[in-house]
C-alpha atoms as a PDB file:
ATOM      1  CA  MET A   1     139.335 128.967  86.680  1.00  0.00           C
ATOM      2  CA  SER A   2     141.118 131.645  88.616  1.00  0.00           C
ATOM      3  CA  ASN A   3     141.564 131.523  92.366  1.00  0.00           C
ATOM      4  CA  ASP A   4     144.489 133.947  92.319  1.00  0.00           C
ATOM      5  CA  THR A   5     144.029 136.755  94.832  1.00  0.00           C
ATOM      6  CA  SER A   6     147.149 138.687  93.840  1.00  0.00           C
ATOM      7  CA  ARG A   7     146.722 142.263  92.741  1.00  0.00           C
ATOM      8  CA  PRO A   8     146.019 142.491  88.982  1.00  0.00           C
ATOM      9  CA  ILE A   9     148.598 144.187  86.756  1.00  0.00           C
ATOM     10  CA  GLN A  10     147.620 147.471  85.125  1.00  0.00           C
ATOM     11  CA  SER A  11     149.131 147.231  81.661  1.00  0.00           C
ATOM     12  CA  LEU A  12     148.119 150.824  80.865  1.00  0.00           C
ATOM     13  CA  ARG A  13     148.678 153.418  83.523  1.00  0.00           C
ATOM     14  CA  LEU A  14     146.293 156.167  82.525  1.00  0.00           C
ATOM     15  CA  SER A  15     144.469 158.698  84.646  1.00  0.00           C
ATOM     16  CA  ALA A  16     140.681 158.461  84.512  1.00  0.00           C
ATOM     17  CA  ALA A  17     140.559 161.575  82.302  1.00  0.00           C
ATOM     18  CA  ASP A  18     143.252 160.260  79.918  1.00  0.00           C
ATOM     19  CA  ARG A  19     141.550 156.861  79.739  1.00  0.00           C
ATOM     20  CA  GLN A  20     138.217 158.477  78.895  1.00  0.00           C
ATOM     21  CA  ARG A  21     139.813 160.742  76.246  1.00  0.00           C
ATOM     22  CA  PHE A  22     141.497 157.724  74.699  1.00  0.00           C
ATOM     23  CA  LEU A  23     138.256 155.678  74.667  1.00  0.00           C
ATOM     24  CA  ASP A  24     136.307 158.636  73.235  1.00  0.00           C
ATOM     25  CA  ASP A  25     138.898 159.058  70.467  1.00  0.00           C
ATOM     26  CA  LEU A  26     138.803 155.337  69.721  1.00  0.00           C
ATOM     27  CA  GLU A  27     135.001 155.381  69.630  1.00  0.00           C
ATOM     28  CA  GLN A  28     135.019 158.399  67.300  1.00  0.00           C
ATOM     29  CA  ARG A  29     137.421 156.623  64.923  1.00  0.00           C
ATOM     30  CA  GLY A  30     135.281 153.495  65.135  1.00  0.00           C
ATOM     31  CA  ALA A  31     132.201 155.488  64.179  1.00  0.00           C
ATOM     32  CA  LEU A  32     133.826 156.081  60.797  1.00  0.00           C
ATOM     33  CA  ARG A  33     133.868 152.302  60.199  1.00  0.00           C
ATOM     34  CA  ARG A  34     130.286 151.495  61.162  1.00  0.00           C
ATOM     35  CA  GLN A  35     129.733 149.439  58.022  1.00  0.00           C
ATOM     36  CA  ASN A  36     131.433 146.571  59.898  1.00  0.00           C
ATOM     37  CA  ALA A  37     128.796 146.846  62.613  1.00  0.00           C
ATOM     38  CA  GLN A  38     126.214 145.398  60.239  1.00  0.00           C
ATOM     39  CA  ASN A  39     128.183 142.124  60.213  1.00  0.00           C
ATOM     40  CA  ARG A  40     128.130 141.851  63.999  1.00  0.00           C
ATOM     41  CA  ARG A  41     125.807 139.370  65.622  1.00  0.00           C
ATOM     42  CA  SER A  42     125.534 141.230  68.913  1.00  0.00           C
ATOM     43  CA  LEU A  43     124.456 144.652  70.099  1.00  0.00           C
ATOM     44  CA  ARG A  44     127.529 146.456  71.477  1.00  0.00           C
ATOM     45  CA  VAL A  45     127.306 149.200  74.044  1.00  0.00           C
ATOM     46  CA  PRO A  46     129.959 151.237  75.857  1.00  0.00           C
ATOM     47  CA  PHE A  47     131.035 149.662  79.155  1.00  0.00           C
ATOM     48  CA  ASN A  48     131.835 152.625  81.379  1.00  0.00           C
ATOM     49  CA  VAL A  49     133.647 151.116  84.329  1.00  0.00           C
ATOM     50  CA  GLU A  50     137.198 152.010  85.328  1.00  0.00           C
ATOM     51  CA  SER A  51     138.554 148.518  84.784  1.00  0.00           C
ATOM     52  CA  VAL A  52     137.719 144.832  84.649  1.00  0.00           C
ATOM     53  CA  VAL A  53     139.922 142.008  85.848  1.00  0.00           C
ATOM     54  CA  VAL A  54     140.954 139.643  83.074  1.00  0.00           C
ATOM     55  CA  THR A  55     143.005 136.516  83.712  1.00  0.00           C
ATOM     56  CA  LEU A  56     144.812 135.307  80.602  1.00  0.00           C
ATOM     57  CA  MET A  57     145.759 131.608  80.457  1.00  0.00           C
ATOM     58  CA  HIS A  58     148.696 131.303  78.076  1.00  0.00           C
ATOM     59  CA  GLY A  59     149.433 128.118  76.162  1.00  0.00           C
ATOM     60  CA  ASN A  60     152.548 127.442  78.267  1.00  0.00           C
ATOM     61  CA  GLY A  61     150.403 127.137  81.409  1.00  0.00           C
ATOM     62  CA  GLN A  62     151.231 130.564  82.815  1.00  0.00           C
ATOM     63  CA  THR A  63     148.457 132.910  83.875  1.00  0.00           C
ATOM     64  CA  VAL A  64     148.490 136.666  84.288  1.00  0.00           C
ATOM     65  CA  ARG A  65     145.836 138.826  85.981  1.00  0.00           C
ATOM     66  CA  LEU A  66     145.218 142.222  84.463  1.00  0.00           C
ATOM     67  CA  ALA A  67     143.155 145.254  85.432  1.00  0.00           C
ATOM     68  CA  VAL A  68     142.238 146.719  82.054  1.00  0.00           C
ATOM     69  CA  PRO A  69     139.798 149.368  80.843  1.00  0.00           C
ATOM     70  CA  PRO A  70     136.904 147.925  78.847  1.00  0.00           C
ATOM     71  CA  ARG A  71     135.827 149.571  75.631  1.00  0.00           C
ATOM     72  CA  ASN A  72     132.465 147.960  74.991  1.00  0.00           C
ATOM     73  CA  ILE A  73     130.420 144.914  75.873  1.00  0.00           C
ATOM     74  CA  SER A  74     127.853 142.715  74.176  1.00  0.00           C
ATOM     75  CA  ALA A  75     125.937 139.629  75.223  1.00  0.00           C
ATOM     76  CA  GLY A  76     128.578 137.607  73.427  1.00  0.00           C
ATOM     77  CA  GLY A  77     131.819 139.338  74.352  1.00  0.00           C
ATOM     78  CA  LEU A  78     133.918 142.244  75.505  1.00  0.00           C
ATOM     79  CA  ALA A  79     136.524 144.580  74.004  1.00  0.00           C
ATOM     80  CA  ILE A  80     139.324 145.719  76.315  1.00  0.00           C
ATOM     81  CA  ILE A  81     142.297 148.041  75.975  1.00  0.00           C
ATOM     82  CA  HIS A  82     145.632 146.424  76.892  1.00  0.00           C
ATOM     83  CA  GLY A  83     149.303 147.385  76.794  1.00  0.00           C
ATOM     84  CA  GLN A  84     150.531 144.252  74.995  1.00  0.00           C
ATOM     85  CA  PHE A  85     149.693 141.943  72.123  1.00  0.00           C
ATOM     86  CA  VAL A  86     147.624 138.877  73.067  1.00  0.00           C
ATOM     87  CA  TYR A  87     147.478 135.855  70.784  1.00  0.00           C
ATOM     88  CA  PRO A  88     144.064 134.875  69.416  1.00  0.00           C
ATOM     89  CA  ASP A  89     142.633 131.712  71.015  1.00  0.00           C
ATOM     90  CA  THR A  90     144.197 132.609  74.388  1.00  0.00           C
ATOM     91  CA  ARG A  91     141.766 131.368  77.050  1.00  0.00           C
ATOM     92  CA  CYS A  92     140.675 133.898  79.657  1.00  0.00           C
ATOM     93  CA  GLU A  93     138.404 134.598  82.564  1.00  0.00           C
ATOM     94  CA  VAL A  94     136.768 137.996  82.972  1.00  0.00           C
ATOM     95  CA  VAL A  95     135.327 139.396  86.207  1.00  0.00           C
ATOM     96  CA  LEU A  96     132.448 141.676  85.221  1.00  0.00           C
ATOM     97  CA  PRO A  97     130.988 144.079  87.799  1.00  0.00           C
ATOM     98  CA  MET A  98     127.208 143.757  87.918  1.00  0.00           C
ATOM     99  CA  ARG A  99     125.010 146.818  87.908  1.00  0.00           C
ATOM    100  CA  ALA A 100     122.180 146.162  90.348  1.00  0.00           C
ATOM    101  CA  ARG A 101     123.931 143.893  92.793  1.00  0.00           C
ATOM    102  CA  ARG A 102     127.193 145.145  94.169  1.00  0.00           C
ATOM    103  CA  SER A 103     128.808 141.942  93.046  1.00  0.00           C
ATOM    104  CA  ALA A 104     130.595 140.546  90.035  1.00  0.00           C
ATOM    105  CA  MET A 105     130.265 137.611  87.669  1.00  0.00           C
ATOM    106  CA  ARG A 106     133.141 135.459  86.466  1.00  0.00           C
ATOM    107  CA  ILE A 107     132.799 134.420  82.857  1.00  0.00           C
ATOM    108  CA  THR A 108     135.172 132.416  80.690  1.00  0.00           C
ATOM    109  CA  GLY A 109     136.019 133.053  77.085  1.00  0.00           C
ATOM    110  CA  ARG A 110     138.805 133.346  74.555  1.00  0.00           C
ATOM    111  CA  VAL A 111     140.571 136.079  72.659  1.00  0.00           C
ATOM    112  CA  VAL A 112     139.362 136.257  69.061  1.00  0.00           C
ATOM    113  CA  ARG A 113     141.271 139.333  67.881  1.00  0.00           C
ATOM    114  CA  CYS A 114     144.006 141.703  68.986  1.00  0.00           C
ATOM    115  CA  ASP A 115     144.430 144.933  67.030  1.00  0.00           C
ATOM    116  CA  HIS A 116     147.323 147.359  67.446  1.00  0.00           C
ATOM    117  CA  ILE A 117     145.978 150.853  68.096  1.00  0.00           C
ATOM    118  CA  LYS A 118     148.939 153.115  68.870  1.00  0.00           C
ATOM    119  CA  GLY A 119     152.266 152.776  70.674  1.00  0.00           C
ATOM    120  CA  VAL A 120     151.907 149.784  72.996  1.00  0.00           C
ATOM    121  CA  VAL A 121     148.104 150.011  73.059  1.00  0.00           C
ATOM    122  CA  HIS A 122     146.057 147.112  71.682  1.00  0.00           C
ATOM    123  CA  GLU A 123     142.332 146.465  71.508  1.00  0.00           C
ATOM    124  CA  VAL A 124     141.652 142.875  72.543  1.00  0.00           C
ATOM    125  CA  SER A 125     138.328 141.287  71.590  1.00  0.00           C
ATOM    126  CA  ILE A 126     137.087 138.464  73.806  1.00  0.00           C
ATOM    127  CA  VAL A 127     134.189 136.151  73.012  1.00  0.00           C
ATOM    128  CA  PHE A 128     132.397 134.618  75.999  1.00  0.00           C
ATOM    129  CA  ASP A 129     131.827 130.872  76.218  1.00  0.00           C
ATOM    130  CA  GLU A 130     128.211 131.563  77.201  1.00  0.00           C
ATOM    131  CA  PRO A 131     126.167 134.695  76.482  1.00  0.00           C
ATOM    132  CA  ILE A 132     125.376 137.101  79.291  1.00  0.00           C
ATOM    133  CA  ALA A 133     122.262 139.178  80.023  1.00  0.00           C
ATOM    134  CA  LEU A 134     123.591 142.555  78.933  1.00  0.00           C
ATOM    135  CA  GLU A 135     121.216 144.557  81.139  1.00  0.00           C
ATOM    136  CA  ASP A 136     122.806 142.969  84.246  1.00  0.00           C
ATOM    137  CA  PHE A 137     125.972 144.958  83.474  1.00  0.00           C
ATOM    138  CA  VAL A 138     124.953 148.161  81.669  1.00  0.00           C
ATOM    139  CA  PRO A 139     121.828 150.310  81.528  1.00  0.00           C
ATOM    140  CA  LEU A 140     120.060 149.934  78.176  1.00  0.00           C
ATOM    141  CA  THR A 141     117.790 152.305  76.311  1.00  0.00           C
ATOM    142  CA  ASP A 142     114.395 150.942  75.251  1.00  0.00           C
ATOM    143  CA  ALA A 143     115.683 150.438  71.691  1.00  0.00           C
ATOM    144  CA  GLN A 144     118.789 148.619  72.959  1.00  0.00           C
ATOM    145  CA  ARG A 145     116.654 146.471  75.280  1.00  0.00           C
ATOM    146  CA  GLN A 146     114.415 145.458  72.355  1.00  0.00           C
ATOM    147  CA  ALA A 147     117.470 144.671  70.199  1.00  0.00           C
ATOM    148  CA  ALA A 148     118.942 142.592  73.047  1.00  0.00           C
ATOM    149  CA  MET A 149     115.659 140.667  73.395  1.00  0.00           C
ATOM    150  CA  ARG A 150     115.530 139.932  69.641  1.00  0.00           C
ATOM    151  CA  GLU A 151     119.155 138.800  69.813  1.00  0.00           C
ATOM    152  CA  ALA A 152     118.411 136.491  72.777  1.00  0.00           C
ATOM    153  CA  GLU A 153     115.434 134.997  70.918  1.00  0.00           C
ATOM    154  CA  ARG A 154     117.602 134.415  67.840  1.00  0.00           C
ATOM    155  CA  ARG A 155     120.259 132.719  70.006  1.00  0.00           C
ATOM    156  CA  ALA A 156     117.603 130.551  71.667  1.00  0.00           C
ATOM    157  CA  ARG A 157     116.293 129.405  68.272  1.00  0.00           C
ATOM    158  CA  THR A 158     119.819 128.720  67.037  1.00  0.00           C
ATOM    159  CA  ASN A 159     120.892 126.873  70.197  1.00  0.00           C
ATOM    160  CA  SER A 160     117.704 124.843  70.573  1.00  0.00           C
ATOM    161  CA  GLY A 161     118.922 122.384  67.977  1.00  0.00           C
ATOM    162  CA  ALA A 162     115.905 123.192  65.824  1.00  0.00           C
ATOM    163  CA  ARG A 163     116.844 123.502  62.215  1.00  0.00           C
ATOM    164  CA  PRO A 164     114.816 125.063  59.423  1.00  0.00           C
ATOM    165  CA  LEU A 165     112.618 122.481  57.754  1.00  0.00           C
ATOM    166  CA  ARG A 166     112.301 122.373  54.011  1.00  0.00           C
ATOM    167  CA  VAL A 167     109.494 120.385  52.427  1.00  0.00           C
ATOM    168  CA  LEU A 168     109.313 119.554  48.724  1.00  0.00           C
ATOM    169  CA  ILE A 169     105.827 118.849  47.407  1.00  0.00           C
ATOM    170  CA  ALA A 170     105.410 117.262  43.999  1.00  0.00           C
ATOM    171  CA  ASP A 171     101.919 117.665  42.536  1.00  0.00           C
ATOM    172  CA  ALA A 172     101.428 115.181  39.727  1.00  0.00           C
ATOM    173  CA  SER A 173      97.813 116.184  39.087  1.00  0.00           C
ATOM    174  CA  GLU A 174      98.823 118.743  36.471  1.00  0.00           C
ATOM    175  CA  PRO A 175     100.117 117.525  33.108  1.00  0.00           C
ATOM    176  CA  GLN A 176     103.559 119.053  33.632  1.00  0.00           C
ATOM    177  CA  GLY A 177     103.484 118.547  37.394  1.00  0.00           C
ATOM    178  CA  LYS A 178     104.177 121.241  39.959  1.00  0.00           C
ATOM    179  CA  LEU A 179     107.009 121.477  42.418  1.00  0.00           C
ATOM    180  CA  LEU A 180     106.431 123.562  45.491  1.00  0.00           C
ATOM    181  CA  SER A 181     109.030 124.317  48.056  1.00  0.00           C
ATOM    182  CA  ILE A 182     107.935 125.497  51.468  1.00  0.00           C
ATOM    183  CA  TRP A 183     110.243 126.738  54.222  1.00  0.00           C
ATOM    184  CA  PHE A 184     109.255 126.479  57.844  1.00  0.00           C
ATOM    185  CA  GLU A 185     111.197 128.460  60.385  1.00  0.00           C
END
């Protein structure tokens, strides 16, 4: 999508220490609302890099490249901290630095939510068009790795086109008849 080589705009000019304090505070406040985490489909882990480059493609055809601090990442998306509101459904491209290879991956997605945090600061949630292998970008604990594997298996089952099969068996051999319902997954 993006071939622009211009320098990305930093919408939040924070020192590394201020950025980390802000992210820590945000994470601490988020810990108080963990009941929402049960509704999430993806394991989320902190993404501790200074910034990622996000190119937003606005509906009017204009694009803007940003260097923004990430908050967390999952196989299905990314949360970033930005200095302006971004409309949901805004298309974007994210350049994610890879862990093992000193390279980066470009991945497309769209904004699904933009929450005002404080002042001009917003948390922007992006969902990727295709899932990523989380361990390519962040180190995972054994428990996180197992959760990521279960999540990938669940996605594979869901995306394979296979649907649960329900079979209804009517047994007329009994006077009243029996109905059995069996689910195959």
